[in-house]
Amino acid sequence: MTFVYIAVEGDTDIPVAERLIKHVGLEPLPAITARSAAKLDQRFTKLNRSGRALNWLVLRDLDAVACAPELLDKLLAGVALSERVCVRVPVREIESWLLADVEGFAAAFSVRPSRMIASPDELNDPKRHVVEVCRHSRSRAVRDTVPPRPGSGRSVGAEYASRISDFARRSWNIESAAPRSPSLARALSALRSRVARGVWR
């Protein structure tokens, strides 16, 4: 069995990374959760160095950066990317990959498929879109816990992270999502290529 370490920004990214690794027949190892994009960026040089001996999948949201190559150049700062380090960039946030499973997301969060967007990679703020879609859920539990309570000052509700993580872990259909999210399709292709070429060993 081939094992792959994970490095991500936050807790909701972990089940996405784990599912992707398992989807291509490999086994995920415990994740490094940096708690923010900035902190993940700070750790990247050391992580890239360890890629000489270890397999790594790094998920880093594109956020406000113009494109994935620009973000990768920033992370590498002139140093070559280790062959066993795979950096994948959700456009613009990990939620876009989950939203791309239109039927699965709609069922899990009790929303009409017609409220879902066909091209989530085009959203400027996928997390906000999740919140807005869930405001119209047929489930009171979803409406009460995924969007923030009025006046709370928060961007998401109390159970946003747990419900998103549970969907990613249990229900997310990667093959259904990939055609609607080019950044996810590229990630899946990159992982399969590493397996086929024996880069991860």
C-alpha atoms as a PDB file:
ATOM      1  CA  MET A   1       0.000   0.000   0.000  1.00  0.00           C
ATOM      2  CA  THR A   2       1.218   3.490  -0.890  1.00  0.00           C
ATOM      3  CA  PHE A   3       0.709   6.160   1.759  1.00  0.00           C
ATOM      4  CA  VAL A   4       0.305   9.908   1.198  1.00  0.00           C
ATOM      5  CA  TYR A   5       0.633  12.684   3.762  1.00  0.00           C
ATOM      6  CA  ILE A   6      -1.812  15.594   3.636  1.00  0.00           C
ATOM      7  CA  ALA A   7      -1.289  19.326   4.237  1.00  0.00           C
ATOM      8  CA  VAL A   8      -4.302  21.637   4.187  1.00  0.00           C
ATOM      9  CA  GLU A   9      -5.572  24.985   5.441  1.00  0.00           C
ATOM     10  CA  GLY A  10      -8.439  23.847   7.655  1.00  0.00           C
ATOM     11  CA  ASP A  11     -10.463  20.969   9.039  1.00  0.00           C
ATOM     12  CA  THR A  12     -13.050  20.949   6.247  1.00  0.00           C
ATOM     13  CA  ASP A  13     -10.265  20.305   3.722  1.00  0.00           C
ATOM     14  CA  ILE A  14      -9.172  17.063   5.385  1.00  0.00           C
ATOM     15  CA  PRO A  15     -12.014  14.762   4.254  1.00  0.00           C
ATOM     16  CA  VAL A  16     -11.744  16.154   0.709  1.00  0.00           C
ATOM     17  CA  ALA A  17      -8.037  15.299   0.564  1.00  0.00           C
ATOM     18  CA  GLU A  18      -8.621  11.886   2.128  1.00  0.00           C
ATOM     19  CA  ARG A  19     -11.382  11.030  -0.340  1.00  0.00           C
ATOM     20  CA  LEU A  20      -9.237  12.052  -3.313  1.00  0.00           C
ATOM     21  CA  ILE A  21      -6.329   9.910  -2.178  1.00  0.00           C
ATOM     22  CA  LYS A  22      -8.554   6.896  -1.568  1.00  0.00           C
ATOM     23  CA  HIS A  23     -10.296   7.491  -4.904  1.00  0.00           C
ATOM     24  CA  VAL A  24      -7.053   6.750  -6.758  1.00  0.00           C
ATOM     25  CA  GLY A  25      -6.334   3.664  -4.655  1.00  0.00           C
ATOM     26  CA  LEU A  26      -3.875   5.090  -2.131  1.00  0.00           C
ATOM     27  CA  GLU A  27      -4.007   5.479   1.646  1.00  0.00           C
ATOM     28  CA  PRO A  28      -4.033   8.891   3.381  1.00  0.00           C
ATOM     29  CA  LEU A  29      -1.865   9.521   6.418  1.00  0.00           C
ATOM     30  CA  PRO A  30      -2.654  12.021   9.217  1.00  0.00           C
ATOM     31  CA  ALA A  31      -3.031  15.579   7.971  1.00  0.00           C
ATOM     32  CA  ILE A  32      -1.180  18.749   8.836  1.00  0.00           C
ATOM     33  CA  THR A  33      -3.824  21.439   9.319  1.00  0.00           C
ATOM     34  CA  ALA A  34      -2.216  24.874   9.141  1.00  0.00           C
ATOM     35  CA  ARG A  35      -5.375  26.767  10.254  1.00  0.00           C
ATOM     36  CA  SER A  36      -4.982  29.407   7.529  1.00  0.00           C
ATOM     37  CA  ALA A  37      -3.646  29.886   4.019  1.00  0.00           C
ATOM     38  CA  ALA A  38      -0.888  32.174   5.299  1.00  0.00           C
ATOM     39  CA  LYS A  39       0.313  29.596   7.823  1.00  0.00           C
ATOM     40  CA  LEU A  40       0.246  26.837   5.215  1.00  0.00           C
ATOM     41  CA  ASP A  41       2.329  29.039   2.916  1.00  0.00           C
ATOM     42  CA  GLN A  42       4.862  29.567   5.706  1.00  0.00           C
ATOM     43  CA  ARG A  43       5.298  25.812   6.112  1.00  0.00           C
ATOM     44  CA  PHE A  44       5.567  25.053   2.426  1.00  0.00           C
ATOM     45  CA  THR A  45       9.356  25.307   2.029  1.00  0.00           C
ATOM     46  CA  LYS A  46       9.975  22.748   4.777  1.00  0.00           C
ATOM     47  CA  LEU A  47       7.204  20.534   3.476  1.00  0.00           C
ATOM     48  CA  ASN A  48       8.589  20.682  -0.082  1.00  0.00           C
ATOM     49  CA  ARG A  49      12.006  19.684   1.231  1.00  0.00           C
ATOM     50  CA  SER A  50      10.536  16.649   2.974  1.00  0.00           C
ATOM     51  CA  GLY A  51       9.044  15.641  -0.374  1.00  0.00           C
ATOM     52  CA  ARG A  52      12.413  14.172  -1.302  1.00  0.00           C
ATOM     53  CA  ALA A  53      11.460  11.191   0.858  1.00  0.00           C
ATOM     54  CA  LEU A  54       7.708  11.466   1.520  1.00  0.00           C
ATOM     55  CA  ASN A  55       4.552  11.612  -0.581  1.00  0.00           C
ATOM     56  CA  TRP A  56       2.488  14.768  -0.057  1.00  0.00           C
ATOM     57  CA  LEU A  57      -0.852  16.088  -1.251  1.00  0.00           C
ATOM     58  CA  VAL A  58      -1.180  19.808  -0.520  1.00  0.00           C
ATOM     59  CA  LEU A  59      -4.544  21.531  -0.990  1.00  0.00           C
ATOM     60  CA  ARG A  60      -4.385  25.317  -1.005  1.00  0.00           C
ATOM     61  CA  ASP A  61      -7.339  27.522  -2.008  1.00  0.00           C
ATOM     62  CA  LEU A  62      -6.716  29.973  -4.837  1.00  0.00           C
ATOM     63  CA  ASP A  63      -8.599  32.698  -2.926  1.00  0.00           C
ATOM     64  CA  ALA A  64      -7.864  36.110  -4.484  1.00  0.00           C
ATOM     65  CA  VAL A  65      -4.728  35.072  -6.433  1.00  0.00           C
ATOM     66  CA  ALA A  66      -5.185  35.449 -10.188  1.00  0.00           C
ATOM     67  CA  CYS A  67      -4.342  31.868 -11.181  1.00  0.00           C
ATOM     68  CA  ALA A  68      -2.874  28.614  -9.890  1.00  0.00           C
ATOM     69  CA  PRO A  69       0.539  29.002 -11.626  1.00  0.00           C
ATOM     70  CA  GLU A  70       0.977  32.405  -9.967  1.00  0.00           C
ATOM     71  CA  LEU A  71       0.171  30.895  -6.573  1.00  0.00           C
ATOM     72  CA  LEU A  72       2.608  28.020  -7.117  1.00  0.00           C
ATOM     73  CA  ASP A  73       5.370  30.450  -8.111  1.00  0.00           C
ATOM     74  CA  LYS A  74       4.730  32.340  -4.885  1.00  0.00           C
ATOM     75  CA  LEU A  75       4.918  29.161  -2.805  1.00  0.00           C
ATOM     76  CA  LEU A  76       8.087  27.881  -4.462  1.00  0.00           C
ATOM     77  CA  ALA A  77       9.957  31.208  -4.438  1.00  0.00           C
ATOM     78  CA  GLY A  78      12.374  30.027  -7.107  1.00  0.00           C
ATOM     79  CA  VAL A  79      12.874  26.499  -5.725  1.00  0.00           C
ATOM     80  CA  ALA A  80      11.908  23.407  -7.728  1.00  0.00           C
ATOM     81  CA  LEU A  81       8.839  21.484  -6.626  1.00  0.00           C
ATOM     82  CA  SER A  82       9.769  18.073  -5.245  1.00  0.00           C
ATOM     83  CA  GLU A  83       8.492  15.306  -7.503  1.00  0.00           C
ATOM     84  CA  ARG A  84       6.632  13.587  -4.668  1.00  0.00           C
ATOM     85  CA  VAL A  85       4.771  16.766  -3.643  1.00  0.00           C
ATOM     86  CA  CYS A  86       1.449  17.296  -5.403  1.00  0.00           C
ATOM     87  CA  VAL A  87      -0.021  20.782  -4.953  1.00  0.00           C
ATOM     88  CA  ARG A  88      -3.621  21.183  -6.040  1.00  0.00           C
ATOM     89  CA  VAL A  89      -5.535  24.452  -6.024  1.00  0.00           C
ATOM     90  CA  PRO A  90      -9.328  24.583  -5.635  1.00  0.00           C
ATOM     91  CA  VAL A  91     -10.756  27.564  -7.538  1.00  0.00           C
ATOM     92  CA  ARG A  92     -11.432  29.604  -5.512  1.00  0.00           C
ATOM     93  CA  GLU A  93     -12.165  27.596  -2.385  1.00  0.00           C
ATOM     94  CA  ILE A  94     -12.568  23.919  -1.508  1.00  0.00           C
ATOM     95  CA  GLU A  95     -16.342  24.407  -1.409  1.00  0.00           C
ATOM     96  CA  SER A  96     -16.385  24.754  -5.201  1.00  0.00           C
ATOM     97  CA  TRP A  97     -15.366  21.088  -5.494  1.00  0.00           C
ATOM     98  CA  LEU A  98     -18.205  20.041  -3.206  1.00  0.00           C
ATOM     99  CA  LEU A  99     -20.772  22.270  -4.929  1.00  0.00           C
ATOM    100  CA  ALA A 100     -19.817  20.652  -8.236  1.00  0.00           C
ATOM    101  CA  ASP A 101     -21.602  17.487  -7.099  1.00  0.00           C
ATOM    102  CA  VAL A 102     -24.911  19.211  -7.775  1.00  0.00           C
ATOM    103  CA  GLU A 103     -27.232  16.265  -7.175  1.00  0.00           C
ATOM    104  CA  GLY A 104     -25.357  15.011  -4.124  1.00  0.00           C
ATOM    105  CA  PHE A 105     -25.089  18.416  -2.476  1.00  0.00           C
ATOM    106  CA  ALA A 106     -28.733  19.241  -3.165  1.00  0.00           C
ATOM    107  CA  ALA A 107     -29.849  15.966  -1.597  1.00  0.00           C
ATOM    108  CA  ALA A 108     -27.556  16.207   1.426  1.00  0.00           C
ATOM    109  CA  PHE A 109     -28.555  19.779   2.259  1.00  0.00           C
ATOM    110  CA  SER A 110     -32.214  19.500   1.191  1.00  0.00           C
ATOM    111  CA  VAL A 111     -32.101  22.213  -1.450  1.00  0.00           C
ATOM    112  CA  ARG A 112     -33.586  22.283  -4.931  1.00  0.00           C
ATOM    113  CA  PRO A 113     -31.023  21.441  -7.651  1.00  0.00           C
ATOM    114  CA  SER A 114     -32.235  24.536  -9.516  1.00  0.00           C
ATOM    115  CA  ARG A 115     -30.607  26.671  -6.796  1.00  0.00           C
ATOM    116  CA  MET A 116     -27.218  25.102  -7.508  1.00  0.00           C
ATOM    117  CA  ILE A 117     -24.703  26.690  -9.871  1.00  0.00           C
ATOM    118  CA  ALA A 118     -23.448  24.681 -12.847  1.00  0.00           C
ATOM    119  CA  SER A 119     -19.896  26.108 -12.814  1.00  0.00           C
ATOM    120  CA  PRO A 120     -18.795  26.633  -9.195  1.00  0.00           C
ATOM    121  CA  ASP A 121     -15.190  27.399 -10.186  1.00  0.00           C
ATOM    122  CA  GLU A 122     -16.545  30.706 -11.509  1.00  0.00           C
ATOM    123  CA  LEU A 123     -17.767  31.813  -8.071  1.00  0.00           C
ATOM    124  CA  ASN A 124     -15.733  34.510  -6.329  1.00  0.00           C
ATOM    125  CA  ASP A 125     -16.810  33.240  -2.903  1.00  0.00           C
ATOM    126  CA  PRO A 126     -17.936  29.585  -2.934  1.00  0.00           C
ATOM    127  CA  LYS A 127     -18.280  29.460   0.853  1.00  0.00           C
ATOM    128  CA  ARG A 128     -20.730  32.347   0.779  1.00  0.00           C
ATOM    129  CA  HIS A 129     -22.652  30.590  -1.975  1.00  0.00           C
ATOM    130  CA  VAL A 130     -22.991  27.491   0.221  1.00  0.00           C
ATOM    131  CA  VAL A 131     -24.418  29.669   2.981  1.00  0.00           C
ATOM    132  CA  GLU A 132     -26.886  31.385   0.642  1.00  0.00           C
ATOM    133  CA  VAL A 133     -28.057  28.113  -0.891  1.00  0.00           C
ATOM    134  CA  CYS A 134     -28.590  26.615   2.564  1.00  0.00           C
ATOM    135  CA  ARG A 135     -30.751  29.565   3.613  1.00  0.00           C
ATOM    136  CA  HIS A 136     -33.337  28.067   1.248  1.00  0.00           C
ATOM    137  CA  SER A 137     -33.025  24.485   2.491  1.00  0.00           C
ATOM    138  CA  ARG A 138     -36.207  22.532   3.140  1.00  0.00           C
ATOM    139  CA  SER A 139     -34.533  21.302   6.336  1.00  0.00           C
ATOM    140  CA  ARG A 140     -34.920  23.593   9.317  1.00  0.00           C
ATOM    141  CA  ALA A 141     -31.804  22.040  10.870  1.00  0.00           C
ATOM    142  CA  VAL A 142     -29.756  23.089   7.828  1.00  0.00           C
ATOM    143  CA  ARG A 143     -31.271  26.580   7.741  1.00  0.00           C
ATOM    144  CA  ASP A 144     -30.584  27.056  11.446  1.00  0.00           C
ATOM    145  CA  THR A 145     -27.004  25.776  11.564  1.00  0.00           C
ATOM    146  CA  VAL A 146     -25.223  26.330   8.225  1.00  0.00           C
ATOM    147  CA  PRO A 147     -25.941  30.054   7.709  1.00  0.00           C
ATOM    148  CA  PRO A 148     -24.906  32.331  10.584  1.00  0.00           C
ATOM    149  CA  ARG A 149     -27.511  33.545  13.039  1.00  0.00           C
ATOM    150  CA  PRO A 150     -28.543  37.178  12.487  1.00  0.00           C
ATOM    151  CA  GLY A 151     -26.387  39.530  14.510  1.00  0.00           C
ATOM    152  CA  SER A 152     -23.751  36.893  15.275  1.00  0.00           C
ATOM    153  CA  GLY A 153     -21.078  38.672  13.245  1.00  0.00           C
ATOM    154  CA  ARG A 154     -19.957  35.306  11.837  1.00  0.00           C
ATOM    155  CA  SER A 155     -19.701  34.346   8.190  1.00  0.00           C
ATOM    156  CA  VAL A 156     -20.993  30.799   8.736  1.00  0.00           C
ATOM    157  CA  GLY A 157     -23.234  28.972  11.176  1.00  0.00           C
ATOM    158  CA  ALA A 158     -22.294  26.848  14.158  1.00  0.00           C
ATOM    159  CA  GLU A 159     -22.473  23.538  12.265  1.00  0.00           C
ATOM    160  CA  TYR A 160     -21.116  24.719   8.923  1.00  0.00           C
ATOM    161  CA  ALA A 161     -17.785  22.924   9.270  1.00  0.00           C
ATOM    162  CA  SER A 162     -19.217  19.680  10.639  1.00  0.00           C
ATOM    163  CA  ARG A 163     -21.935  19.432   7.984  1.00  0.00           C
ATOM    164  CA  ILE A 164     -19.560  20.264   5.125  1.00  0.00           C
ATOM    165  CA  SER A 165     -17.021  17.737   6.431  1.00  0.00           C
ATOM    166  CA  ASP A 166     -19.698  15.070   6.808  1.00  0.00           C
ATOM    167  CA  PHE A 167     -20.866  15.623   3.234  1.00  0.00           C
ATOM    168  CA  ALA A 168     -17.308  15.413   1.895  1.00  0.00           C
ATOM    169  CA  ARG A 169     -16.628  12.253   3.881  1.00  0.00           C
ATOM    170  CA  ARG A 170     -19.870  10.359   3.270  1.00  0.00           C
ATOM    171  CA  SER A 171     -21.753  11.623   0.227  1.00  0.00           C
ATOM    172  CA  TRP A 172     -19.546  13.621  -2.148  1.00  0.00           C
ATOM    173  CA  ASN A 173     -19.435  11.992  -5.592  1.00  0.00           C
ATOM    174  CA  ILE A 174     -16.056  12.894  -7.073  1.00  0.00           C
ATOM    175  CA  GLU A 175     -16.776  11.532 -10.541  1.00  0.00           C
ATOM    176  CA  SER A 176     -20.024  13.504 -10.774  1.00  0.00           C
ATOM    177  CA  ALA A 177     -18.329  16.664  -9.538  1.00  0.00           C
ATOM    178  CA  ALA A 178     -15.220  16.638 -11.742  1.00  0.00           C
ATOM    179  CA  PRO A 179     -16.913  17.555 -15.065  1.00  0.00           C
ATOM    180  CA  ARG A 180     -18.374  20.700 -13.454  1.00  0.00           C
ATOM    181  CA  SER A 181     -15.143  21.833 -11.786  1.00  0.00           C
ATOM    182  CA  PRO A 182     -12.084  22.118 -14.034  1.00  0.00           C
ATOM    183  CA  SER A 183      -9.791  22.583 -11.019  1.00  0.00           C
ATOM    184  CA  LEU A 184     -11.081  19.330  -9.491  1.00  0.00           C
ATOM    185  CA  ALA A 185     -10.740  17.526 -12.820  1.00  0.00           C
ATOM    186  CA  ARG A 186      -7.113  18.684 -13.052  1.00  0.00           C
ATOM    187  CA  ALA A 187      -6.463  17.527  -9.491  1.00  0.00           C
ATOM    188  CA  LEU A 188      -7.897  14.095 -10.207  1.00  0.00           C
ATOM    189  CA  SER A 189      -5.848  13.823 -13.397  1.00  0.00           C
ATOM    190  CA  ALA A 190      -2.662  14.813 -11.542  1.00  0.00           C
ATOM    191  CA  LEU A 191      -3.237  12.197  -8.852  1.00  0.00           C
ATOM    192  CA  ARG A 192      -3.946   9.466 -11.385  1.00  0.00           C
ATOM    193  CA  SER A 193      -0.827  10.436 -13.327  1.00  0.00           C
ATOM    194  CA  ARG A 194       1.324  10.066 -10.215  1.00  0.00           C
ATOM    195  CA  VAL A 195      -0.104   6.625  -9.584  1.00  0.00           C
ATOM    196  CA  ALA A 196       0.375   5.534 -13.209  1.00  0.00           C
ATOM    197  CA  ARG A 197       3.972   6.799 -13.359  1.00  0.00           C
ATOM    198  CA  GLY A 198       4.934   5.383  -9.972  1.00  0.00           C
ATOM    199  CA  VAL A 199       5.961   8.802  -8.655  1.00  0.00           C
ATOM    200  CA  TRP A 200       4.334   8.041  -5.311  1.00  0.00           C
ATOM    201  CA  ARG A 201       5.983   4.935  -3.933  1.00  0.00           C
END
